[in-house]
Amino acid sequence: MASGGYNAFAYWAAVMMVAVFGTMAADVIHHQLGVSFTMFTLFCALGVAATFWAWHRIENTLSVHSITTRHREVFYWLTVSFTFALGTAAGDLTASQLHFGFIGSIVLFAIVMAVPALGYWRFHLNGVVAFWWAYIATRPLGASIADWLSKPTKTGGLDYGDGPVAAGLLMTALVVVTYVAVRNRRMLTKPVPAQLKSAA
C-alpha cells in the first residue's frame, strides 16, 4: 500500500526481511531465553489464530485479494511475521525434540501442505482456507529444507553451511521473482486482440 500498489521486488524484499526477523526471533527466544520449541511454537500458533480472529472480526474477510486498505495490510504483515517465527520453531520442534530429523520433518510438512491443495482440487475446500493452510505450512517446510542443507552431517544435515545455503536460496528467490515480475509486466502490456476490442 505504501508503495502505491503491488511491486514484486518491494514485496518479496519485505518478505525476506520478515523471514530473517522471524528466524532470529525464534532462535534468540529458544537459545538465549531458554523457551522450549514446544512453548514458542504454541505461542506463535496462538498469535496466528488471534490475528486471523481479529482480522476477520474487523474486516469480515481473510482474502489476500481484499488487501486494499492500510488496516488489512497491517493484519497481513502481522500474520506473515507470526508464520515465519512459527515455521522456524515448528521445524526445530519436529526435527530435534520430536526426533523426526530434517528429512522426516520435510516429508511431514510437505504432506501437511499438500492436504489443502488436494482438498481445494477434489473436495471443494474453501479457497481462503486452502490458501492460508498451505501458506502457513510452507514456513516449517522451508525451515526444515534450509536446516537439512546447512546443518552438520552429525545432526542429519548436508553440511553446506548457513552462509552458502542462504546465498543460494537468495539467488534462487531473485531469479524466480524476476521471472514472475517480467512475465506479469509483459501480460499487462500485451496488446488486446482486435476481435476482443470489437466485442467490447
C-alpha atoms as a PDB file:
ATOM      1  CA  MET A   1       0.000   0.000   0.000  1.00  0.00           C
ATOM      2  CA  ALA A   2       2.785   2.432   0.888  1.00  0.00           C
ATOM      3  CA  SER A   3       4.417   1.878  -2.488  1.00  0.00           C
ATOM      4  CA  GLY A   4       1.186   2.770  -4.272  1.00  0.00           C
ATOM      5  CA  GLY A   5       0.418  -0.763  -5.396  1.00  0.00           C
ATOM      6  CA  TYR A   6       1.923  -4.209  -5.740  1.00  0.00           C
ATOM      7  CA  ASN A   7       5.586  -4.259  -6.646  1.00  0.00           C
ATOM      8  CA  ALA A   8       7.118  -7.742  -6.842  1.00  0.00           C
ATOM      9  CA  PHE A   9      10.611  -6.720  -5.763  1.00  0.00           C
ATOM     10  CA  ALA A  10       9.442  -4.496  -2.904  1.00  0.00           C
ATOM     11  CA  TYR A  11       7.017  -7.151  -1.682  1.00  0.00           C
ATOM     12  CA  TRP A  12       9.493 -10.034  -1.726  1.00  0.00           C
ATOM     13  CA  ALA A  13      12.234  -7.901  -0.211  1.00  0.00           C
ATOM     14  CA  ALA A  14       9.854  -7.221   2.691  1.00  0.00           C
ATOM     15  CA  VAL A  15       9.020 -10.940   2.932  1.00  0.00           C
ATOM     16  CA  MET A  16      12.724 -11.819   3.109  1.00  0.00           C
ATOM     17  CA  MET A  17      13.304  -9.298   5.878  1.00  0.00           C
ATOM     18  CA  VAL A  18      10.346 -10.670   7.820  1.00  0.00           C
ATOM     19  CA  ALA A  19      11.714 -14.192   7.280  1.00  0.00           C
ATOM     20  CA  VAL A  20      15.092 -13.197   8.722  1.00  0.00           C
ATOM     21  CA  PHE A  21      13.409 -11.479  11.671  1.00  0.00           C
ATOM     22  CA  GLY A  22      11.160 -14.465  12.369  1.00  0.00           C
ATOM     23  CA  THR A  23      14.056 -16.914  12.233  1.00  0.00           C
ATOM     24  CA  MET A  24      16.215 -14.775  14.518  1.00  0.00           C
ATOM     25  CA  ALA A  25      13.348 -14.257  16.958  1.00  0.00           C
ATOM     26  CA  ALA A  26      12.739 -17.999  17.239  1.00  0.00           C
ATOM     27  CA  ASP A  27      16.442 -18.756  17.725  1.00  0.00           C
ATOM     28  CA  VAL A  28      17.020 -15.975  20.279  1.00  0.00           C
ATOM     29  CA  ILE A  29      13.944 -16.846  22.321  1.00  0.00           C
ATOM     30  CA  HIS A  30      14.970 -20.504  22.439  1.00  0.00           C
ATOM     31  CA  HIS A  31      18.754 -20.273  22.871  1.00  0.00           C
ATOM     32  CA  GLN A  32      19.060 -17.032  24.854  1.00  0.00           C
ATOM     33  CA  LEU A  33      15.854 -17.043  26.891  1.00  0.00           C
ATOM     34  CA  GLY A  34      15.536 -20.797  27.274  1.00  0.00           C
ATOM     35  CA  VAL A  35      11.967 -21.042  25.971  1.00  0.00           C
ATOM     36  CA  SER A  36      11.285 -24.509  24.589  1.00  0.00           C
ATOM     37  CA  PHE A  37      10.413 -25.005  20.942  1.00  0.00           C
ATOM     38  CA  THR A  38       7.113 -26.515  22.099  1.00  0.00           C
ATOM     39  CA  MET A  39       6.095 -23.407  24.023  1.00  0.00           C
ATOM     40  CA  PHE A  40       7.256 -20.991  21.340  1.00  0.00           C
ATOM     41  CA  THR A  41       5.513 -22.989  18.607  1.00  0.00           C
ATOM     42  CA  LEU A  42       2.314 -22.862  20.658  1.00  0.00           C
ATOM     43  CA  PHE A  43       2.740 -19.123  21.254  1.00  0.00           C
ATOM     44  CA  CYS A  44       3.219 -18.400  17.535  1.00  0.00           C
ATOM     45  CA  ALA A  45       0.285 -20.632  16.591  1.00  0.00           C
ATOM     46  CA  LEU A  46      -1.911 -18.721  19.034  1.00  0.00           C
ATOM     47  CA  GLY A  47      -0.555 -15.470  17.580  1.00  0.00           C
ATOM     48  CA  VAL A  48      -1.584 -16.534  14.078  1.00  0.00           C
ATOM     49  CA  ALA A  49      -5.013 -17.625  15.329  1.00  0.00           C
ATOM     50  CA  ALA A  50      -5.563 -14.372  17.247  1.00  0.00           C
ATOM     51  CA  THR A  51      -4.531 -12.297  14.238  1.00  0.00           C
ATOM     52  CA  PHE A  52      -6.918 -14.200  11.977  1.00  0.00           C
ATOM     53  CA  TRP A  53      -9.716 -13.780  14.509  1.00  0.00           C
ATOM     54  CA  ALA A  54      -9.196 -10.019  14.825  1.00  0.00           C
ATOM     55  CA  TRP A  55      -8.705  -9.598  11.068  1.00  0.00           C
ATOM     56  CA  HIS A  56     -11.934 -11.418  10.218  1.00  0.00           C
ATOM     57  CA  ARG A  57     -13.905  -9.789  13.029  1.00  0.00           C
ATOM     58  CA  ILE A  58     -12.886  -6.281  11.980  1.00  0.00           C
ATOM     59  CA  GLU A  59     -12.687  -6.658   8.199  1.00  0.00           C
ATOM     60  CA  ASN A  60     -15.074  -9.603   7.678  1.00  0.00           C
ATOM     61  CA  THR A  61     -12.618 -11.257   5.282  1.00  0.00           C
ATOM     62  CA  LEU A  62      -9.260 -13.029   5.240  1.00  0.00           C
ATOM     63  CA  SER A  63      -8.830 -12.996   1.479  1.00  0.00           C
ATOM     64  CA  VAL A  64      -5.479 -11.661   0.282  1.00  0.00           C
ATOM     65  CA  HIS A  65      -7.305 -10.264  -2.747  1.00  0.00           C
ATOM     66  CA  SER A  66      -9.117  -7.858  -0.425  1.00  0.00           C
ATOM     67  CA  ILE A  67      -5.960  -6.246   0.984  1.00  0.00           C
ATOM     68  CA  THR A  68      -6.732  -2.760  -0.274  1.00  0.00           C
ATOM     69  CA  THR A  69      -6.566  -0.766   2.960  1.00  0.00           C
ATOM     70  CA  ARG A  70      -3.832   0.012   5.475  1.00  0.00           C
ATOM     71  CA  HIS A  71      -5.645  -1.919   8.242  1.00  0.00           C
ATOM     72  CA  ARG A  72      -5.792  -5.082   6.147  1.00  0.00           C
ATOM     73  CA  GLU A  73      -2.148  -4.691   5.180  1.00  0.00           C
ATOM     74  CA  VAL A  74      -1.178  -4.464   8.856  1.00  0.00           C
ATOM     75  CA  PHE A  75      -3.105  -7.657   9.601  1.00  0.00           C
ATOM     76  CA  TYR A  76      -1.431  -9.372   6.653  1.00  0.00           C
ATOM     77  CA  TRP A  77       2.116  -8.496   7.718  1.00  0.00           C
ATOM     78  CA  LEU A  78       1.396  -9.402  11.324  1.00  0.00           C
ATOM     79  CA  THR A  79       0.225 -12.805  10.117  1.00  0.00           C
ATOM     80  CA  VAL A  80       3.325 -13.220   7.964  1.00  0.00           C
ATOM     81  CA  SER A  81       5.583 -12.337  10.921  1.00  0.00           C
ATOM     82  CA  PHE A  82       3.961 -14.913  13.169  1.00  0.00           C
ATOM     83  CA  THR A  83       4.057 -17.605  10.464  1.00  0.00           C
ATOM     84  CA  PHE A  84       7.803 -17.235   9.877  1.00  0.00           C
ATOM     85  CA  ALA A  85       8.575 -17.477  13.584  1.00  0.00           C
ATOM     86  CA  LEU A  86       6.146 -20.399  13.791  1.00  0.00           C
ATOM     87  CA  GLY A  87       7.865 -22.115  10.878  1.00  0.00           C
ATOM     88  CA  THR A  88      11.304 -21.943  12.465  1.00  0.00           C
ATOM     89  CA  ALA A  89      10.047 -23.117  15.844  1.00  0.00           C
ATOM     90  CA  ALA A  90       7.878 -25.915  14.428  1.00  0.00           C
ATOM     91  CA  GLY A  91      10.666 -27.151  12.143  1.00  0.00           C
ATOM     92  CA  ASP A  92      13.116 -27.296  15.041  1.00  0.00           C
ATOM     93  CA  LEU A  93      10.481 -28.903  17.267  1.00  0.00           C
ATOM     94  CA  THR A  94       9.800 -31.795  14.906  1.00  0.00           C
ATOM     95  CA  ALA A  95      13.430 -32.257  13.850  1.00  0.00           C
ATOM     96  CA  SER A  96      15.021 -32.233  17.300  1.00  0.00           C
ATOM     97  CA  GLN A  97      12.585 -32.598  20.172  1.00  0.00           C
ATOM     98  CA  LEU A  98      10.226 -34.985  18.375  1.00  0.00           C
ATOM     99  CA  HIS A  99      13.152 -36.741  16.656  1.00  0.00           C
ATOM    100  CA  PHE A 100      11.735 -36.657  13.140  1.00  0.00           C
ATOM    101  CA  GLY A 101      15.053 -35.424  11.802  1.00  0.00           C
ATOM    102  CA  PHE A 102      15.326 -32.994   8.899  1.00  0.00           C
ATOM    103  CA  ILE A 103      14.141 -35.452   6.243  1.00  0.00           C
ATOM    104  CA  GLY A 104      11.235 -36.606   8.372  1.00  0.00           C
ATOM    105  CA  SER A 105      10.220 -33.001   9.002  1.00  0.00           C
ATOM    106  CA  ILE A 106      10.399 -32.197   5.294  1.00  0.00           C
ATOM    107  CA  VAL A 107       8.142 -35.151   4.468  1.00  0.00           C
ATOM    108  CA  LEU A 108       5.732 -34.279   7.282  1.00  0.00           C
ATOM    109  CA  PHE A 109       5.289 -30.642   6.310  1.00  0.00           C
ATOM    110  CA  ALA A 110       5.141 -31.454   2.599  1.00  0.00           C
ATOM    111  CA  ILE A 111       2.184 -33.728   3.342  1.00  0.00           C
ATOM    112  CA  VAL A 112       0.582 -31.074   5.548  1.00  0.00           C
ATOM    113  CA  MET A 113       0.937 -28.556   2.716  1.00  0.00           C
ATOM    114  CA  ALA A 114      -0.431 -30.993   0.119  1.00  0.00           C
ATOM    115  CA  VAL A 115      -3.635 -31.591   2.089  1.00  0.00           C
ATOM    116  CA  PRO A 116      -5.274 -28.201   1.312  1.00  0.00           C
ATOM    117  CA  ALA A 117      -4.217 -28.453  -2.338  1.00  0.00           C
ATOM    118  CA  LEU A 118      -5.983 -31.803  -2.609  1.00  0.00           C
ATOM    119  CA  GLY A 119      -8.928 -30.504  -0.585  1.00  0.00           C
ATOM    120  CA  TYR A 120      -9.355 -27.493  -2.863  1.00  0.00           C
ATOM    121  CA  TRP A 121      -8.895 -29.530  -6.051  1.00  0.00           C
ATOM    122  CA  ARG A 122     -11.073 -32.525  -5.230  1.00  0.00           C
ATOM    123  CA  PHE A 123     -13.270 -31.686  -2.235  1.00  0.00           C
ATOM    124  CA  HIS A 124     -14.224 -28.013  -2.758  1.00  0.00           C
ATOM    125  CA  LEU A 125     -12.301 -26.745   0.258  1.00  0.00           C
ATOM    126  CA  ASN A 126     -12.817 -23.012   0.703  1.00  0.00           C
ATOM    127  CA  GLY A 127     -10.177 -21.163  -1.299  1.00  0.00           C
ATOM    128  CA  VAL A 128      -9.225 -18.781   1.505  1.00  0.00           C
ATOM    129  CA  VAL A 129      -8.839 -21.652   3.978  1.00  0.00           C
ATOM    130  CA  ALA A 130      -6.801 -23.649   1.469  1.00  0.00           C
ATOM    131  CA  PHE A 131      -4.522 -20.691   0.760  1.00  0.00           C
ATOM    132  CA  TRP A 132      -3.720 -19.889   4.369  1.00  0.00           C
ATOM    133  CA  TRP A 133      -3.318 -23.545   5.323  1.00  0.00           C
ATOM    134  CA  ALA A 134      -0.754 -24.068   2.559  1.00  0.00           C
ATOM    135  CA  TYR A 135       0.840 -20.660   3.198  1.00  0.00           C
ATOM    136  CA  ILE A 136       1.476 -21.423   6.858  1.00  0.00           C
ATOM    137  CA  ALA A 137       2.771 -24.920   6.064  1.00  0.00           C
ATOM    138  CA  THR A 138       5.401 -23.515   3.692  1.00  0.00           C
ATOM    139  CA  ARG A 139       7.173 -21.923   6.679  1.00  0.00           C
ATOM    140  CA  PRO A 140       8.219 -25.053   8.615  1.00  0.00           C
ATOM    141  CA  LEU A 141       8.766 -26.859   5.306  1.00  0.00           C
ATOM    142  CA  GLY A 142      11.177 -24.159   4.116  1.00  0.00           C
ATOM    143  CA  ALA A 143      12.920 -24.024   7.501  1.00  0.00           C
ATOM    144  CA  SER A 144      13.371 -27.811   7.507  1.00  0.00           C
ATOM    145  CA  ILE A 145      14.809 -27.797   3.987  1.00  0.00           C
ATOM    146  CA  ALA A 146      17.220 -24.975   4.869  1.00  0.00           C
ATOM    147  CA  ASP A 147      18.343 -26.786   8.024  1.00  0.00           C
ATOM    148  CA  TRP A 148      18.819 -30.045   6.125  1.00  0.00           C
ATOM    149  CA  LEU A 149      21.024 -28.328   3.563  1.00  0.00           C
ATOM    150  CA  SER A 150      23.049 -26.243   6.018  1.00  0.00           C
ATOM    151  CA  LYS A 151      23.453 -28.197   9.266  1.00  0.00           C
ATOM    152  CA  PRO A 152      26.354 -30.597  10.019  1.00  0.00           C
ATOM    153  CA  THR A 153      26.175 -34.215   8.927  1.00  0.00           C
ATOM    154  CA  LYS A 154      26.289 -35.388  12.560  1.00  0.00           C
ATOM    155  CA  THR A 155      22.858 -33.810  13.064  1.00  0.00           C
ATOM    156  CA  GLY A 156      21.448 -35.222   9.817  1.00  0.00           C
ATOM    157  CA  GLY A 157      22.228 -32.301   7.517  1.00  0.00           C
ATOM    158  CA  LEU A 158      24.304 -31.995   4.368  1.00  0.00           C
ATOM    159  CA  ASP A 159      26.748 -29.507   5.950  1.00  0.00           C
ATOM    160  CA  TYR A 160      26.799 -26.915   3.159  1.00  0.00           C
ATOM    161  CA  GLY A 161      26.860 -24.174   5.801  1.00  0.00           C
ATOM    162  CA  ASP A 162      24.422 -21.412   6.696  1.00  0.00           C
ATOM    163  CA  GLY A 163      26.118 -18.783   4.527  1.00  0.00           C
ATOM    164  CA  PRO A 164      26.238 -20.723   1.234  1.00  0.00           C
ATOM    165  CA  VAL A 165      22.696 -22.044   1.728  1.00  0.00           C
ATOM    166  CA  ALA A 166      21.354 -18.558   2.493  1.00  0.00           C
ATOM    167  CA  ALA A 167      23.153 -17.157  -0.564  1.00  0.00           C
ATOM    168  CA  GLY A 168      21.849 -19.966  -2.773  1.00  0.00           C
ATOM    169  CA  LEU A 169      18.277 -19.519  -1.586  1.00  0.00           C
ATOM    170  CA  LEU A 170      18.548 -15.752  -2.050  1.00  0.00           C
ATOM    171  CA  MET A 171      19.765 -16.147  -5.629  1.00  0.00           C
ATOM    172  CA  THR A 172      17.008 -18.661  -6.364  1.00  0.00           C
ATOM    173  CA  ALA A 173      14.406 -16.273  -4.964  1.00  0.00           C
ATOM    174  CA  LEU A 174      15.773 -13.380  -7.030  1.00  0.00           C
ATOM    175  CA  VAL A 175      15.624 -15.432 -10.224  1.00  0.00           C
ATOM    176  CA  VAL A 176      12.037 -16.558  -9.556  1.00  0.00           C
ATOM    177  CA  VAL A 177      10.837 -13.078  -8.546  1.00  0.00           C
ATOM    178  CA  THR A 178      12.487 -11.520 -11.597  1.00  0.00           C
ATOM    179  CA  TYR A 179      10.857 -14.065 -13.875  1.00  0.00           C
ATOM    180  CA  VAL A 180       7.413 -13.506 -12.347  1.00  0.00           C
ATOM    181  CA  ALA A 181       7.775  -9.721 -12.444  1.00  0.00           C
ATOM    182  CA  VAL A 182       8.857  -9.727 -16.114  1.00  0.00           C
ATOM    183  CA  ARG A 183       6.083 -12.122 -17.077  1.00  0.00           C
ATOM    184  CA  ASN A 184       3.429 -10.056 -15.304  1.00  0.00           C
ATOM    185  CA  ARG A 185       4.699  -6.874 -16.928  1.00  0.00           C
ATOM    186  CA  ARG A 186       4.521  -8.483 -20.353  1.00  0.00           C
ATOM    187  CA  MET A 187       0.986  -9.673 -19.675  1.00  0.00           C
ATOM    188  CA  LEU A 188      -0.087  -6.172 -18.623  1.00  0.00           C
ATOM    189  CA  THR A 189       1.450  -4.552 -21.706  1.00  0.00           C
ATOM    190  CA  LYS A 190       0.313  -7.245 -24.148  1.00  0.00           C
ATOM    191  CA  PRO A 191      -1.983  -5.679 -26.813  1.00  0.00           C
ATOM    192  CA  VAL A 192      -5.628  -6.705 -26.769  1.00  0.00           C
ATOM    193  CA  PRO A 193      -6.622  -8.744 -29.868  1.00  0.00           C
ATOM    194  CA  ALA A 194      -8.764  -6.844 -32.372  1.00  0.00           C
ATOM    195  CA  GLN A 195     -11.679  -9.269 -32.040  1.00  0.00           C
ATOM    196  CA  LEU A 196     -11.812  -8.678 -28.291  1.00  0.00           C
ATOM    197  CA  LYS A 197     -11.769  -4.922 -28.775  1.00  0.00           C
ATOM    198  CA  SER A 198     -14.671  -5.136 -31.208  1.00  0.00           C
ATOM    199  CA  ALA A 199     -16.578  -7.420 -28.859  1.00  0.00           C
ATOM    200  CA  ALA A 200     -16.142  -4.916 -26.072  1.00  0.00           C
END
